[in-house]
Amino acid sequence: MVPLPGPGGITYEGSLEYVFRQARGFLKGELRELERRSPRYVLILEAIARGQNRWELIRDYLAFRGHNVPKSRLAELIRNLEKMSWIEADFSSGRKRYRLIDPVIERVLAER
């Protein structure tokens, strides 16, 4: 641990956790707003955060959670999340995978 200057010997890790707590509160509000648009948006983000990051795996995750989504609708939801800058396509592995743009969002969603 690297102590940061300030009252009470605040540590780097303590400061980082404080930032995550603040971000978590903000993101929960953003996720509630996104969920109002469609609960499927948040489920897609959760799937990606939990490693279900290919189209088929996202579809299966939604089905497991009780949301059987037609292929065209799922494609539209994923495109919308890309347009809103929540996710992006990643081709580095040779297969199309999706990833969350912000690692803080990924951490918050993986903890849900």
N, C-alpha and C. Protein backbone atom coordinates (compact mmCIF):
# COMPACT_ATOMS: atom_id res chain seq x y z
N MET A 1 0.84 -1.19 0.00
CA MET A 1 0.00 0.00 0.00
C MET A 1 0.88 1.25 0.00
N VAL A 2 0.48 2.19 -0.79
CA VAL A 2 1.20 3.46 -0.85
C VAL A 2 0.33 4.52 -0.18
N PRO A 3 0.77 5.05 0.98
CA PRO A 3 -0.07 6.05 1.63
C PRO A 3 -0.10 7.34 0.82
N LEU A 4 -1.27 7.91 0.73
CA LEU A 4 -1.43 9.20 0.07
C LEU A 4 -1.41 10.29 1.13
N PRO A 5 -0.92 11.44 0.78
CA PRO A 5 -0.95 12.53 1.76
C PRO A 5 -2.39 12.87 2.12
N GLY A 6 -2.59 13.20 3.33
CA GLY A 6 -3.92 13.61 3.75
C GLY A 6 -4.22 13.13 5.14
N PRO A 7 -5.37 13.52 5.63
CA PRO A 7 -5.74 13.16 7.00
C PRO A 7 -5.96 11.66 7.15
N GLY A 8 -5.45 11.14 8.23
CA GLY A 8 -5.70 9.74 8.57
C GLY A 8 -4.91 8.74 7.75
N GLY A 9 -3.89 9.17 7.01
CA GLY A 9 -3.07 8.24 6.24
C GLY A 9 -3.87 7.48 5.20
N ILE A 10 -4.62 8.15 4.38
CA ILE A 10 -5.43 7.51 3.35
C ILE A 10 -4.52 6.74 2.40
N THR A 11 -4.89 5.51 2.09
CA THR A 11 -4.08 4.67 1.21
C THR A 11 -4.60 4.76 -0.22
N TYR A 12 -3.74 4.36 -1.13
CA TYR A 12 -4.12 4.31 -2.54
C TYR A 12 -5.33 3.39 -2.72
N GLU A 13 -5.26 2.19 -2.10
CA GLU A 13 -6.36 1.23 -2.22
C GLU A 13 -7.64 1.78 -1.63
N GLY A 14 -7.53 2.47 -0.50
CA GLY A 14 -8.72 3.06 0.12
C GLY A 14 -9.32 4.13 -0.77
N SER A 15 -8.47 4.92 -1.38
CA SER A 15 -8.96 5.96 -2.29
C SER A 15 -9.62 5.35 -3.52
N LEU A 16 -9.01 4.30 -4.04
CA LEU A 16 -9.57 3.63 -5.21
C LEU A 16 -10.93 3.02 -4.88
N GLU A 17 -11.04 2.40 -3.73
CA GLU A 17 -12.33 1.81 -3.33
C GLU A 17 -13.38 2.90 -3.15
N TYR A 18 -12.99 4.05 -2.63
CA TYR A 18 -13.92 5.17 -2.49
C TYR A 18 -14.43 5.60 -3.86
N VAL A 19 -13.54 5.69 -4.83
CA VAL A 19 -13.94 6.08 -6.18
C VAL A 19 -14.91 5.05 -6.76
N PHE A 20 -14.63 3.76 -6.56
CA PHE A 20 -15.53 2.71 -7.05
C PHE A 20 -16.90 2.80 -6.38
N ARG A 21 -16.94 3.09 -5.09
CA ARG A 21 -18.24 3.24 -4.41
C ARG A 21 -19.04 4.39 -5.01
N GLN A 22 -18.37 5.50 -5.26
CA GLN A 22 -19.04 6.66 -5.87
C GLN A 22 -19.52 6.31 -7.27
N ALA A 23 -18.67 5.67 -8.05
CA ALA A 23 -19.03 5.29 -9.42
C ALA A 23 -20.18 4.29 -9.41
N ARG A 24 -20.15 3.35 -8.46
CA ARG A 24 -21.20 2.35 -8.35
C ARG A 24 -22.56 3.02 -8.12
N GLY A 25 -22.60 4.02 -7.24
CA GLY A 25 -23.85 4.74 -7.00
C GLY A 25 -24.35 5.46 -8.24
N PHE A 26 -23.45 6.11 -8.95
CA PHE A 26 -23.82 6.81 -10.18
C PHE A 26 -24.30 5.82 -11.23
N LEU A 27 -23.57 4.72 -11.41
CA LEU A 27 -23.92 3.73 -12.43
C LEU A 27 -25.23 3.04 -12.14
N LYS A 28 -25.54 2.81 -10.89
CA LYS A 28 -26.82 2.19 -10.57
C LYS A 28 -27.97 3.05 -11.06
N GLY A 29 -27.83 4.36 -10.94
CA GLY A 29 -28.85 5.27 -11.47
C GLY A 29 -28.92 5.20 -12.98
N GLU A 30 -27.76 5.16 -13.64
CA GLU A 30 -27.72 5.06 -15.10
C GLU A 30 -28.32 3.73 -15.57
N LEU A 31 -28.03 2.66 -14.84
CA LEU A 31 -28.56 1.35 -15.22
C LEU A 31 -30.08 1.28 -15.02
N ARG A 32 -30.57 1.92 -13.97
CA ARG A 32 -32.03 1.97 -13.78
C ARG A 32 -32.70 2.69 -14.95
N GLU A 33 -32.09 3.78 -15.39
CA GLU A 33 -32.64 4.53 -16.53
C GLU A 33 -32.59 3.67 -17.80
N LEU A 34 -31.50 2.97 -18.01
CA LEU A 34 -31.38 2.10 -19.17
C LEU A 34 -32.40 0.96 -19.09
N GLU A 35 -32.61 0.45 -17.90
CA GLU A 35 -33.56 -0.65 -17.70
C GLU A 35 -34.99 -0.20 -17.99
N ARG A 36 -35.29 1.06 -17.74
CA ARG A 36 -36.63 1.58 -18.09
C ARG A 36 -36.87 1.52 -19.59
N ARG A 37 -35.82 1.72 -20.36
CA ARG A 37 -35.95 1.64 -21.81
C ARG A 37 -36.19 0.20 -22.25
N SER A 38 -35.45 -0.71 -21.65
CA SER A 38 -35.64 -2.15 -21.88
C SER A 38 -34.82 -2.91 -20.85
N PRO A 39 -35.47 -3.79 -20.09
CA PRO A 39 -34.72 -4.59 -19.11
C PRO A 39 -33.67 -5.47 -19.79
N ARG A 40 -33.86 -5.74 -21.06
CA ARG A 40 -32.91 -6.57 -21.79
C ARG A 40 -31.55 -5.90 -21.95
N TYR A 41 -31.53 -4.58 -22.01
CA TYR A 41 -30.25 -3.88 -22.11
C TYR A 41 -29.32 -4.25 -20.96
N VAL A 42 -29.85 -4.19 -19.76
CA VAL A 42 -29.02 -4.48 -18.58
C VAL A 42 -28.62 -5.95 -18.55
N LEU A 43 -29.51 -6.83 -18.97
CA LEU A 43 -29.17 -8.25 -19.02
C LEU A 43 -28.04 -8.51 -20.02
N ILE A 44 -28.06 -7.82 -21.14
CA ILE A 44 -26.99 -7.96 -22.13
C ILE A 44 -25.67 -7.48 -21.54
N LEU A 45 -25.71 -6.34 -20.86
CA LEU A 45 -24.49 -5.83 -20.23
C LEU A 45 -23.99 -6.78 -19.16
N GLU A 46 -24.88 -7.34 -18.36
CA GLU A 46 -24.48 -8.32 -17.34
C GLU A 46 -23.84 -9.54 -17.99
N ALA A 47 -24.44 -10.02 -19.07
CA ALA A 47 -23.89 -11.18 -19.76
C ALA A 47 -22.45 -10.93 -20.19
N ILE A 48 -22.22 -9.78 -20.80
CA ILE A 48 -20.88 -9.45 -21.27
C ILE A 48 -19.92 -9.32 -20.10
N ALA A 49 -20.36 -8.68 -19.02
CA ALA A 49 -19.51 -8.51 -17.84
C ALA A 49 -19.14 -9.86 -17.23
N ARG A 50 -19.98 -10.86 -17.41
CA ARG A 50 -19.73 -12.19 -16.84
C ARG A 50 -19.07 -13.14 -17.82
N GLY A 51 -18.58 -12.59 -18.94
CA GLY A 51 -17.84 -13.41 -19.89
C GLY A 51 -18.67 -14.02 -21.00
N GLN A 52 -19.96 -13.79 -21.00
CA GLN A 52 -20.83 -14.29 -22.06
C GLN A 52 -20.83 -13.23 -23.17
N ASN A 53 -19.73 -13.13 -23.88
CA ASN A 53 -19.50 -11.97 -24.73
C ASN A 53 -19.64 -12.21 -26.23
N ARG A 54 -20.09 -13.39 -26.63
CA ARG A 54 -20.39 -13.65 -28.04
C ARG A 54 -21.90 -13.63 -28.22
N TRP A 55 -22.33 -13.36 -29.44
CA TRP A 55 -23.76 -13.20 -29.73
C TRP A 55 -24.56 -14.39 -29.21
N GLU A 56 -24.10 -15.60 -29.52
CA GLU A 56 -24.84 -16.81 -29.12
C GLU A 56 -24.91 -16.94 -27.59
N LEU A 57 -23.81 -16.59 -26.94
CA LEU A 57 -23.77 -16.69 -25.47
C LEU A 57 -24.69 -15.64 -24.83
N ILE A 58 -24.73 -14.47 -25.43
CA ILE A 58 -25.65 -13.43 -24.92
C ILE A 58 -27.09 -13.90 -25.08
N ARG A 59 -27.41 -14.46 -26.25
CA ARG A 59 -28.76 -14.98 -26.49
C ARG A 59 -29.12 -16.06 -25.46
N ASP A 60 -28.18 -16.97 -25.20
CA ASP A 60 -28.42 -18.04 -24.23
C ASP A 60 -28.58 -17.49 -22.82
N TYR A 61 -27.80 -16.48 -22.47
CA TYR A 61 -27.90 -15.85 -21.16
C TYR A 61 -29.29 -15.24 -20.97
N LEU A 62 -29.75 -14.53 -22.00
CA LEU A 62 -31.09 -13.93 -21.92
C LEU A 62 -32.16 -15.01 -21.79
N ALA A 63 -32.04 -16.09 -22.56
CA ALA A 63 -33.02 -17.18 -22.49
C ALA A 63 -33.02 -17.80 -21.10
N PHE A 64 -31.84 -18.01 -20.54
CA PHE A 64 -31.72 -18.57 -19.20
C PHE A 64 -32.42 -17.68 -18.18
N ARG A 65 -32.36 -16.36 -18.40
CA ARG A 65 -32.99 -15.41 -17.49
C ARG A 65 -34.47 -15.16 -17.84
N GLY A 66 -35.02 -15.96 -18.77
CA GLY A 66 -36.44 -15.88 -19.09
C GLY A 66 -36.81 -14.90 -20.17
N HIS A 67 -35.85 -14.48 -20.98
CA HIS A 67 -36.10 -13.53 -22.05
C HIS A 67 -35.72 -14.16 -23.39
N ASN A 68 -36.66 -14.84 -24.00
CA ASN A 68 -36.42 -15.38 -25.34
C ASN A 68 -36.62 -14.24 -26.33
N VAL A 69 -35.53 -13.84 -26.95
CA VAL A 69 -35.52 -12.66 -27.81
C VAL A 69 -35.31 -13.11 -29.25
N PRO A 70 -36.15 -12.66 -30.17
CA PRO A 70 -35.90 -12.97 -31.59
C PRO A 70 -34.53 -12.44 -32.03
N LYS A 71 -33.92 -13.14 -32.97
CA LYS A 71 -32.58 -12.78 -33.43
C LYS A 71 -32.50 -11.33 -33.87
N SER A 72 -33.48 -10.88 -34.63
CA SER A 72 -33.44 -9.50 -35.14
C SER A 72 -33.52 -8.49 -34.00
N ARG A 73 -34.32 -8.79 -32.99
CA ARG A 73 -34.44 -7.87 -31.85
C ARG A 73 -33.15 -7.84 -31.04
N LEU A 74 -32.53 -9.00 -30.83
CA LEU A 74 -31.27 -9.04 -30.10
C LEU A 74 -30.19 -8.25 -30.84
N ALA A 75 -30.14 -8.42 -32.14
CA ALA A 75 -29.17 -7.66 -32.94
C ALA A 75 -29.41 -6.16 -32.79
N GLU A 76 -30.66 -5.76 -32.78
CA GLU A 76 -31.00 -4.34 -32.61
C GLU A 76 -30.59 -3.83 -31.23
N LEU A 77 -30.85 -4.61 -30.19
CA LEU A 77 -30.48 -4.21 -28.84
C LEU A 77 -28.96 -4.05 -28.71
N ILE A 78 -28.22 -4.98 -29.28
CA ILE A 78 -26.77 -4.91 -29.22
C ILE A 78 -26.27 -3.69 -30.00
N ARG A 79 -26.83 -3.46 -31.19
CA ARG A 79 -26.45 -2.26 -31.97
C ARG A 79 -26.73 -0.99 -31.18
N ASN A 80 -27.87 -0.94 -30.51
CA ASN A 80 -28.21 0.25 -29.71
C ASN A 80 -27.20 0.47 -28.58
N LEU A 81 -26.80 -0.61 -27.91
CA LEU A 81 -25.80 -0.47 -26.84
C LEU A 81 -24.47 0.01 -27.40
N GLU A 82 -24.14 -0.42 -28.61
CA GLU A 82 -22.92 0.07 -29.26
C GLU A 82 -23.05 1.57 -29.57
N LYS A 83 -24.18 1.97 -30.11
CA LYS A 83 -24.41 3.38 -30.44
C LYS A 83 -24.39 4.26 -29.19
N MET A 84 -24.87 3.71 -28.07
CA MET A 84 -24.89 4.47 -26.82
C MET A 84 -23.53 4.41 -26.10
N SER A 85 -22.57 3.73 -26.70
CA SER A 85 -21.20 3.60 -26.17
C SER A 85 -21.12 2.85 -24.85
N TRP A 86 -21.97 1.86 -24.66
CA TRP A 86 -21.86 0.97 -23.52
C TRP A 86 -20.92 -0.17 -23.85
N ILE A 87 -20.98 -0.65 -25.11
CA ILE A 87 -20.18 -1.79 -25.52
C ILE A 87 -19.53 -1.50 -26.87
N GLU A 88 -18.57 -2.37 -27.22
CA GLU A 88 -17.98 -2.31 -28.55
C GLU A 88 -17.62 -3.71 -28.98
N ALA A 89 -17.57 -3.92 -30.29
CA ALA A 89 -17.18 -5.21 -30.83
C ALA A 89 -15.65 -5.31 -30.79
N ASP A 90 -15.18 -6.52 -30.50
CA ASP A 90 -13.74 -6.78 -30.42
C ASP A 90 -13.46 -8.00 -31.31
N PHE A 91 -12.57 -7.83 -32.28
CA PHE A 91 -12.24 -8.91 -33.21
C PHE A 91 -10.84 -9.46 -32.97
N SER A 92 -10.19 -9.08 -31.88
CA SER A 92 -8.79 -9.45 -31.65
C SER A 92 -8.58 -10.96 -31.53
N SER A 93 -9.59 -11.70 -31.13
CA SER A 93 -9.44 -13.15 -30.96
C SER A 93 -9.77 -13.91 -32.24
N GLY A 94 -10.12 -13.19 -33.31
CA GLY A 94 -10.51 -13.84 -34.54
C GLY A 94 -12.00 -14.10 -34.63
N ARG A 95 -12.69 -13.94 -33.53
CA ARG A 95 -14.15 -14.07 -33.48
C ARG A 95 -14.71 -12.78 -32.93
N LYS A 96 -15.90 -12.44 -33.36
CA LYS A 96 -16.53 -11.23 -32.87
C LYS A 96 -17.00 -11.45 -31.44
N ARG A 97 -16.48 -10.63 -30.57
CA ARG A 97 -16.87 -10.64 -29.16
C ARG A 97 -17.21 -9.21 -28.79
N TYR A 98 -18.00 -9.07 -27.77
CA TYR A 98 -18.35 -7.74 -27.29
C TYR A 98 -17.66 -7.51 -25.96
N ARG A 99 -17.35 -6.25 -25.72
CA ARG A 99 -16.75 -5.91 -24.43
C ARG A 99 -17.34 -4.59 -23.97
N LEU A 100 -17.40 -4.45 -22.67
CA LEU A 100 -17.84 -3.20 -22.08
C LEU A 100 -16.74 -2.17 -22.25
N ILE A 101 -17.12 -0.97 -22.57
CA ILE A 101 -16.14 0.08 -22.83
C ILE A 101 -15.44 0.51 -21.55
N ASP A 102 -16.16 0.53 -20.45
CA ASP A 102 -15.61 1.03 -19.19
C ASP A 102 -15.41 -0.11 -18.20
N PRO A 103 -14.18 -0.32 -17.71
CA PRO A 103 -13.94 -1.41 -16.75
C PRO A 103 -14.67 -1.22 -15.42
N VAL A 104 -14.98 0.00 -15.06
CA VAL A 104 -15.75 0.24 -13.83
C VAL A 104 -17.16 -0.32 -14.00
N ILE A 105 -17.75 -0.10 -15.16
CA ILE A 105 -19.09 -0.64 -15.45
C ILE A 105 -19.03 -2.16 -15.39
N GLU A 106 -17.99 -2.73 -15.96
CA GLU A 106 -17.84 -4.19 -15.94
C GLU A 106 -17.80 -4.72 -14.51
N ARG A 107 -17.04 -4.07 -13.67
CA ARG A 107 -16.93 -4.50 -12.27
C ARG A 107 -18.27 -4.38 -11.54
N VAL A 108 -18.97 -3.29 -11.73
CA VAL A 108 -20.26 -3.08 -11.08
C VAL A 108 -21.27 -4.14 -11.55
N LEU A 109 -21.32 -4.40 -12.85
CA LEU A 109 -22.26 -5.37 -13.38
C LEU A 109 -21.92 -6.80 -12.97
N ALA A 110 -20.64 -7.12 -12.91
CA ALA A 110 -20.24 -8.47 -12.51
C ALA A 110 -20.61 -8.74 -11.05
N GLU A 111 -20.73 -7.69 -10.25
CA GLU A 111 -21.08 -7.84 -8.83
C GLU A 111 -22.58 -7.95 -8.60
N ARG A 112 -23.39 -7.67 -9.62
CA ARG A 112 -24.85 -7.71 -9.45
C ARG A 112 -25.35 -9.10 -9.21
